[in-house]
Amino acid sequence: MSLDSREHWDLTVRRAVSRLFILAALADRPMHGYELGKAVADGSGNCCTPSDAAVYPALKELSEGGFVARETLSQGGRRRSVCTLTQDGHDVLATAAEAWGAVLPHLERVVDEVRADAARRGVDA
């Protein structure tokens, strides 16, 4: 995938924010993987729509780090691994939100400048 493709940048952004959205969704309530992927998509305005192949490795990493606790429950005859944010998970979410909060105003400035330049040149940004 080429650096000049929109797909490259969409993927880069999604990878960068996916764990933040996973932590934020679990801060609302415990969830199993499929439900969590849907909550991340909804909570991110569909800018981050993780597949199961992305959610489960992230949950494994967060669980191994002590940020997420996993419990296997039976629901409707199916066994599901339900994830809950731990206190360390709440702490890391706060740290991540602080880090993103510091960069967001600068990202917005760059995006606004690029859009204004594109408008002056009569092209789409």
N, C-alpha and C. Protein backbone atom coordinates (compact mmCIF):
# COMPACT_ATOMS: atom_id res chain seq x y z
N MET A 1 0.86 -1.18 0.00
CA MET A 1 0.00 0.00 0.00
C MET A 1 0.90 1.24 0.00
N SER A 2 0.63 2.11 -0.89
CA SER A 2 1.46 3.28 -1.12
C SER A 2 1.13 4.42 -0.14
N LEU A 3 2.15 5.15 0.23
CA LEU A 3 2.00 6.28 1.15
C LEU A 3 1.05 7.34 0.61
N ASP A 4 0.88 7.41 -0.70
CA ASP A 4 0.00 8.41 -1.28
C ASP A 4 -1.45 7.94 -1.43
N SER A 5 -1.77 6.75 -0.88
CA SER A 5 -3.14 6.26 -0.98
C SER A 5 -3.94 6.60 0.29
N ARG A 6 -5.17 6.92 0.09
CA ARG A 6 -6.07 7.19 1.21
C ARG A 6 -6.18 5.96 2.11
N GLU A 7 -6.19 4.78 1.50
CA GLU A 7 -6.29 3.53 2.25
C GLU A 7 -5.15 3.40 3.26
N HIS A 8 -3.94 3.78 2.86
CA HIS A 8 -2.79 3.73 3.77
C HIS A 8 -3.05 4.60 5.01
N TRP A 9 -3.51 5.80 4.79
CA TRP A 9 -3.71 6.73 5.90
C TRP A 9 -4.90 6.34 6.76
N ASP A 10 -5.96 5.82 6.15
CA ASP A 10 -7.10 5.32 6.93
C ASP A 10 -6.66 4.18 7.85
N LEU A 11 -5.88 3.25 7.32
CA LEU A 11 -5.38 2.13 8.11
C LEU A 11 -4.46 2.61 9.24
N THR A 12 -3.61 3.55 8.95
CA THR A 12 -2.70 4.11 9.95
C THR A 12 -3.48 4.75 11.10
N VAL A 13 -4.49 5.52 10.77
CA VAL A 13 -5.31 6.18 11.79
C VAL A 13 -6.07 5.14 12.62
N ARG A 14 -6.68 4.18 11.94
CA ARG A 14 -7.44 3.14 12.66
C ARG A 14 -6.54 2.37 13.62
N ARG A 15 -5.36 2.01 13.18
CA ARG A 15 -4.44 1.29 14.06
C ARG A 15 -4.05 2.14 15.26
N ALA A 16 -3.87 3.41 15.04
CA ALA A 16 -3.43 4.30 16.11
C ALA A 16 -4.49 4.51 17.18
N VAL A 17 -5.74 4.51 16.80
CA VAL A 17 -6.79 4.82 17.76
C VAL A 17 -7.60 3.63 18.25
N SER A 18 -7.40 2.46 17.66
CA SER A 18 -8.26 1.32 17.98
C SER A 18 -8.22 0.95 19.46
N ARG A 19 -7.06 0.91 20.08
CA ARG A 19 -6.99 0.54 21.50
C ARG A 19 -7.66 1.58 22.38
N LEU A 20 -7.54 2.84 22.01
CA LEU A 20 -8.23 3.89 22.76
C LEU A 20 -9.74 3.65 22.74
N PHE A 21 -10.29 3.36 21.56
CA PHE A 21 -11.73 3.11 21.45
C PHE A 21 -12.14 1.82 22.16
N ILE A 22 -11.30 0.80 22.14
CA ILE A 22 -11.60 -0.44 22.86
C ILE A 22 -11.66 -0.17 24.36
N LEU A 23 -10.66 0.54 24.88
CA LEU A 23 -10.66 0.87 26.30
C LEU A 23 -11.87 1.72 26.67
N ALA A 24 -12.19 2.70 25.83
CA ALA A 24 -13.32 3.58 26.11
C ALA A 24 -14.64 2.80 26.11
N ALA A 25 -14.79 1.88 25.18
CA ALA A 25 -16.02 1.08 25.14
C ALA A 25 -16.14 0.21 26.39
N LEU A 26 -15.02 -0.39 26.81
CA LEU A 26 -15.07 -1.23 28.01
C LEU A 26 -15.24 -0.41 29.28
N ALA A 27 -14.91 0.87 29.24
CA ALA A 27 -15.14 1.73 30.40
C ALA A 27 -16.64 1.91 30.63
N ASP A 28 -17.43 1.78 29.56
CA ASP A 28 -18.89 1.89 29.68
C ASP A 28 -19.50 0.67 30.35
N ARG A 29 -19.02 -0.53 29.94
CA ARG A 29 -19.57 -1.76 30.51
C ARG A 29 -18.77 -2.96 29.99
N PRO A 30 -18.85 -4.08 30.70
CA PRO A 30 -18.20 -5.31 30.21
C PRO A 30 -18.85 -5.77 28.91
N MET A 31 -18.04 -6.37 28.03
CA MET A 31 -18.54 -6.85 26.73
C MET A 31 -17.73 -8.04 26.26
N HIS A 32 -18.34 -8.83 25.36
CA HIS A 32 -17.60 -9.88 24.66
C HIS A 32 -17.08 -9.29 23.35
N GLY A 33 -16.21 -10.02 22.69
CA GLY A 33 -15.48 -9.49 21.52
C GLY A 33 -16.34 -8.94 20.41
N TYR A 34 -17.33 -9.72 19.97
CA TYR A 34 -18.18 -9.25 18.86
C TYR A 34 -18.90 -7.96 19.24
N GLU A 35 -19.45 -7.96 20.43
CA GLU A 35 -20.17 -6.79 20.95
C GLU A 35 -19.22 -5.59 21.04
N LEU A 36 -18.00 -5.86 21.45
CA LEU A 36 -17.00 -4.80 21.59
C LEU A 36 -16.65 -4.19 20.24
N GLY A 37 -16.49 -5.01 19.22
CA GLY A 37 -16.21 -4.48 17.88
C GLY A 37 -17.31 -3.55 17.41
N LYS A 38 -18.55 -3.93 17.67
CA LYS A 38 -19.69 -3.08 17.30
C LYS A 38 -19.70 -1.78 18.11
N ALA A 39 -19.39 -1.88 19.40
CA ALA A 39 -19.36 -0.69 20.26
C ALA A 39 -18.25 0.27 19.82
N VAL A 40 -17.11 -0.28 19.41
CA VAL A 40 -16.01 0.56 18.92
C VAL A 40 -16.43 1.28 17.65
N ALA A 41 -17.06 0.56 16.74
CA ALA A 41 -17.52 1.18 15.50
C ALA A 41 -18.51 2.30 15.80
N ASP A 42 -19.49 2.01 16.67
CA ASP A 42 -20.49 3.01 17.03
C ASP A 42 -19.85 4.21 17.74
N GLY A 43 -18.96 3.92 18.69
CA GLY A 43 -18.34 4.99 19.48
C GLY A 43 -17.38 5.86 18.70
N SER A 44 -16.89 5.33 17.58
CA SER A 44 -15.94 6.10 16.77
C SER A 44 -16.60 6.73 15.56
N GLY A 45 -17.92 6.67 15.50
CA GLY A 45 -18.62 7.21 14.33
C GLY A 45 -18.26 6.43 13.08
N ASN A 46 -17.94 5.15 13.26
CA ASN A 46 -17.56 4.23 12.18
C ASN A 46 -16.23 4.57 11.51
N CYS A 47 -15.44 5.44 12.12
CA CYS A 47 -14.10 5.68 11.56
C CYS A 47 -13.17 4.53 11.91
N CYS A 48 -13.51 3.79 12.94
CA CYS A 48 -12.73 2.64 13.38
C CYS A 48 -13.68 1.47 13.50
N THR A 49 -13.66 0.57 12.53
CA THR A 49 -14.54 -0.59 12.53
C THR A 49 -13.68 -1.85 12.55
N PRO A 50 -13.22 -2.24 13.73
CA PRO A 50 -12.28 -3.35 13.81
C PRO A 50 -12.93 -4.70 13.51
N SER A 51 -12.20 -5.53 12.80
CA SER A 51 -12.64 -6.89 12.54
C SER A 51 -12.32 -7.74 13.77
N ASP A 52 -12.89 -8.94 13.81
CA ASP A 52 -12.55 -9.86 14.90
C ASP A 52 -11.05 -10.12 14.92
N ALA A 53 -10.44 -10.15 13.75
CA ALA A 53 -9.00 -10.40 13.64
C ALA A 53 -8.19 -9.26 14.27
N ALA A 54 -8.80 -8.11 14.46
CA ALA A 54 -8.11 -6.99 15.12
C ALA A 54 -8.49 -6.91 16.61
N VAL A 55 -9.76 -7.19 16.91
CA VAL A 55 -10.23 -7.05 18.29
C VAL A 55 -9.59 -8.07 19.21
N TYR A 56 -9.59 -9.33 18.80
CA TYR A 56 -9.13 -10.38 19.72
C TYR A 56 -7.64 -10.28 20.06
N PRO A 57 -6.74 -9.98 19.12
CA PRO A 57 -5.34 -9.78 19.51
C PRO A 57 -5.16 -8.57 20.43
N ALA A 58 -5.93 -7.51 20.19
CA ALA A 58 -5.85 -6.33 21.06
C ALA A 58 -6.32 -6.69 22.46
N LEU A 59 -7.40 -7.46 22.57
CA LEU A 59 -7.89 -7.88 23.88
C LEU A 59 -6.88 -8.78 24.59
N LYS A 60 -6.22 -9.63 23.84
CA LYS A 60 -5.20 -10.50 24.42
C LYS A 60 -4.06 -9.66 24.99
N GLU A 61 -3.61 -8.67 24.22
CA GLU A 61 -2.54 -7.78 24.67
C GLU A 61 -2.97 -6.99 25.91
N LEU A 62 -4.18 -6.46 25.89
CA LEU A 62 -4.67 -5.68 27.03
C LEU A 62 -4.87 -6.57 28.25
N SER A 63 -5.30 -7.79 28.04
CA SER A 63 -5.48 -8.74 29.14
C SER A 63 -4.12 -9.12 29.74
N GLU A 64 -3.16 -9.42 28.89
CA GLU A 64 -1.82 -9.78 29.38
C GLU A 64 -1.17 -8.62 30.13
N GLY A 65 -1.52 -7.40 29.76
CA GLY A 65 -0.98 -6.22 30.44
C GLY A 65 -1.70 -5.89 31.74
N GLY A 66 -2.79 -6.60 32.03
CA GLY A 66 -3.54 -6.36 33.25
C GLY A 66 -4.55 -5.22 33.13
N PHE A 67 -4.83 -4.79 31.90
CA PHE A 67 -5.76 -3.67 31.69
C PHE A 67 -7.20 -4.15 31.49
N VAL A 68 -7.34 -5.41 31.12
CA VAL A 68 -8.64 -6.02 30.88
C VAL A 68 -8.67 -7.36 31.60
N ALA A 69 -9.77 -7.63 32.29
CA ALA A 69 -10.00 -8.94 32.91
C ALA A 69 -10.98 -9.69 32.02
N ARG A 70 -10.72 -10.98 31.81
CA ARG A 70 -11.59 -11.80 30.97
C ARG A 70 -12.21 -12.91 31.80
N GLU A 71 -13.51 -13.12 31.60
CA GLU A 71 -14.24 -14.18 32.30
C GLU A 71 -15.10 -14.92 31.28
N THR A 72 -15.02 -16.22 31.27
CA THR A 72 -15.81 -17.02 30.34
C THR A 72 -17.16 -17.32 30.99
N LEU A 73 -18.22 -16.92 30.28
CA LEU A 73 -19.59 -17.12 30.76
C LEU A 73 -20.39 -17.85 29.71
N SER A 74 -21.45 -18.52 30.14
CA SER A 74 -22.38 -19.15 29.21
C SER A 74 -23.56 -18.21 29.03
N GLN A 75 -23.86 -17.91 27.77
CA GLN A 75 -25.00 -17.04 27.43
C GLN A 75 -25.80 -17.73 26.35
N GLY A 76 -27.03 -18.10 26.65
CA GLY A 76 -27.88 -18.74 25.64
C GLY A 76 -27.26 -20.00 25.07
N GLY A 77 -26.57 -20.76 25.90
CA GLY A 77 -25.96 -21.99 25.44
C GLY A 77 -24.60 -21.80 24.77
N ARG A 78 -24.16 -20.57 24.66
CA ARG A 78 -22.85 -20.28 24.05
C ARG A 78 -21.90 -19.79 25.12
N ARG A 79 -20.66 -20.17 24.97
CA ARG A 79 -19.62 -19.69 25.89
C ARG A 79 -18.99 -18.44 25.29
N ARG A 80 -18.94 -17.42 26.09
CA ARG A 80 -18.37 -16.14 25.64
C ARG A 80 -17.36 -15.65 26.66
N SER A 81 -16.32 -15.06 26.15
CA SER A 81 -15.32 -14.44 27.00
C SER A 81 -15.72 -12.97 27.17
N VAL A 82 -16.15 -12.61 28.35
CA VAL A 82 -16.59 -11.24 28.63
C VAL A 82 -15.43 -10.47 29.24
N CYS A 83 -15.19 -9.30 28.70
CA CYS A 83 -14.05 -8.47 29.11
C CYS A 83 -14.53 -7.29 29.95
N THR A 84 -13.78 -7.02 30.99
CA THR A 84 -14.07 -5.91 31.90
C THR A 84 -12.80 -5.08 32.04
N LEU A 85 -12.95 -3.78 32.05
CA LEU A 85 -11.80 -2.91 32.26
C LEU A 85 -11.39 -2.95 33.73
N THR A 86 -10.11 -3.18 33.99
CA THR A 86 -9.61 -3.17 35.36
C THR A 86 -9.30 -1.74 35.78
N GLN A 87 -8.91 -1.56 37.05
CA GLN A 87 -8.51 -0.22 37.50
C GLN A 87 -7.30 0.26 36.70
N ASP A 88 -6.35 -0.64 36.44
CA ASP A 88 -5.21 -0.27 35.59
C ASP A 88 -5.67 0.12 34.19
N GLY A 89 -6.72 -0.55 33.71
CA GLY A 89 -7.28 -0.20 32.40
C GLY A 89 -7.89 1.19 32.39
N HIS A 90 -8.60 1.53 33.46
CA HIS A 90 -9.15 2.89 33.57
C HIS A 90 -8.01 3.91 33.61
N ASP A 91 -6.94 3.58 34.32
CA ASP A 91 -5.80 4.49 34.41
C ASP A 91 -5.13 4.68 33.05
N VAL A 92 -4.95 3.57 32.30
CA VAL A 92 -4.29 3.69 31.00
C VAL A 92 -5.20 4.41 30.01
N LEU A 93 -6.51 4.24 30.13
CA LEU A 93 -7.45 5.00 29.29
C LEU A 93 -7.29 6.49 29.55
N ALA A 94 -7.19 6.87 30.81
CA ALA A 94 -7.00 8.29 31.15
C ALA A 94 -5.68 8.81 30.56
N THR A 95 -4.63 8.01 30.65
CA THR A 95 -3.34 8.41 30.09
C THR A 95 -3.43 8.55 28.57
N ALA A 96 -4.08 7.59 27.91
CA ALA A 96 -4.23 7.64 26.46
C ALA A 96 -5.06 8.86 26.04
N ALA A 97 -6.14 9.12 26.77
CA ALA A 97 -6.99 10.28 26.45
C ALA A 97 -6.21 11.58 26.62
N GLU A 98 -5.36 11.63 27.63
CA GLU A 98 -4.53 12.82 27.84
C GLU A 98 -3.56 13.00 26.67
N ALA A 99 -2.94 11.91 26.24
CA ALA A 99 -1.99 11.99 25.12
C ALA A 99 -2.69 12.43 23.84
N TRP A 100 -3.85 11.82 23.54
CA TRP A 100 -4.59 12.21 22.34
C TRP A 100 -5.09 13.65 22.47
N GLY A 101 -5.52 14.04 23.66
CA GLY A 101 -5.99 15.41 23.87
C GLY A 101 -4.91 16.44 23.59
N ALA A 102 -3.66 16.08 23.86
CA ALA A 102 -2.56 17.01 23.61
C ALA A 102 -2.29 17.19 22.11
N VAL A 103 -2.52 16.15 21.32
CA VAL A 103 -2.19 16.22 19.90
C VAL A 103 -3.37 16.69 19.03
N LEU A 104 -4.60 16.50 19.51
CA LEU A 104 -5.77 16.83 18.69
C LEU A 104 -5.82 18.27 18.19
N PRO A 105 -5.56 19.26 19.03
CA PRO A 105 -5.61 20.64 18.50
C PRO A 105 -4.63 20.86 17.35
N HIS A 106 -3.50 20.21 17.40
CA HIS A 106 -2.49 20.37 16.35
C HIS A 106 -2.89 19.63 15.08
N LEU A 107 -3.52 18.46 15.25
CA LEU A 107 -4.05 17.75 14.09
C LEU A 107 -5.14 18.57 13.41
N GLU A 108 -6.03 19.15 14.22
CA GLU A 108 -7.10 19.98 13.66
C GLU A 108 -6.53 21.18 12.90
N ARG A 109 -5.48 21.79 13.45
CA ARG A 109 -4.86 22.94 12.78
C ARG A 109 -4.30 22.53 11.42
N VAL A 110 -3.58 21.41 11.38
CA VAL A 110 -2.99 20.94 10.12
C VAL A 110 -4.09 20.63 9.12
N VAL A 111 -5.14 19.92 9.55
CA VAL A 111 -6.25 19.58 8.65
C VAL A 111 -6.90 20.86 8.12
N ASP A 112 -7.15 21.82 9.00
CA ASP A 112 -7.76 23.09 8.56
C ASP A 112 -6.87 23.82 7.56
N GLU A 113 -5.57 23.84 7.80
CA GLU A 113 -4.64 24.51 6.88
C GLU A 113 -4.61 23.81 5.52
N VAL A 114 -4.60 22.48 5.52
CA VAL A 114 -4.58 21.74 4.26
C VAL A 114 -5.87 21.97 3.49
N ARG A 115 -7.00 21.97 4.19
CA ARG A 115 -8.28 22.22 3.52
C ARG A 115 -8.34 23.64 2.95
N ALA A 116 -7.86 24.60 3.71
CA ALA A 116 -7.87 26.00 3.23
C ALA A 116 -6.97 26.14 2.00
N ASP A 117 -5.81 25.50 2.03
CA ASP A 117 -4.90 25.56 0.88
C ASP A 117 -5.54 24.89 -0.33
N ALA A 118 -6.19 23.75 -0.13
CA ALA A 118 -6.85 23.06 -1.24
C ALA A 118 -7.97 23.92 -1.82
N ALA A 119 -8.72 24.60 -0.95
CA ALA A 119 -9.80 25.47 -1.43
C ALA A 119 -9.23 26.61 -2.26
N ARG A 120 -8.11 27.19 -1.82
CA ARG A 120 -7.48 28.27 -2.58
C ARG A 120 -7.01 27.79 -3.94
N ARG A 121 -6.58 26.54 -4.00
CA ARG A 121 -6.10 25.98 -5.25
C ARG A 121 -7.23 25.37 -6.09
N GLY A 122 -8.44 25.30 -5.51
CA GLY A 122 -9.60 24.78 -6.23
C GLY A 122 -9.60 23.27 -6.37
N VAL A 123 -9.03 22.57 -5.38
CA VAL A 123 -9.02 21.09 -5.41
C VAL A 123 -9.63 20.57 -4.11
N ASP A 124 -10.00 19.31 -4.12
CA ASP A 124 -10.54 18.68 -2.92
C ASP A 124 -9.40 18.26 -1.99
N ALA A 125 -9.65 18.39 -0.68
CA ALA A 125 -8.65 17.94 0.30
C ALA A 125 -9.17 16.74 1.05
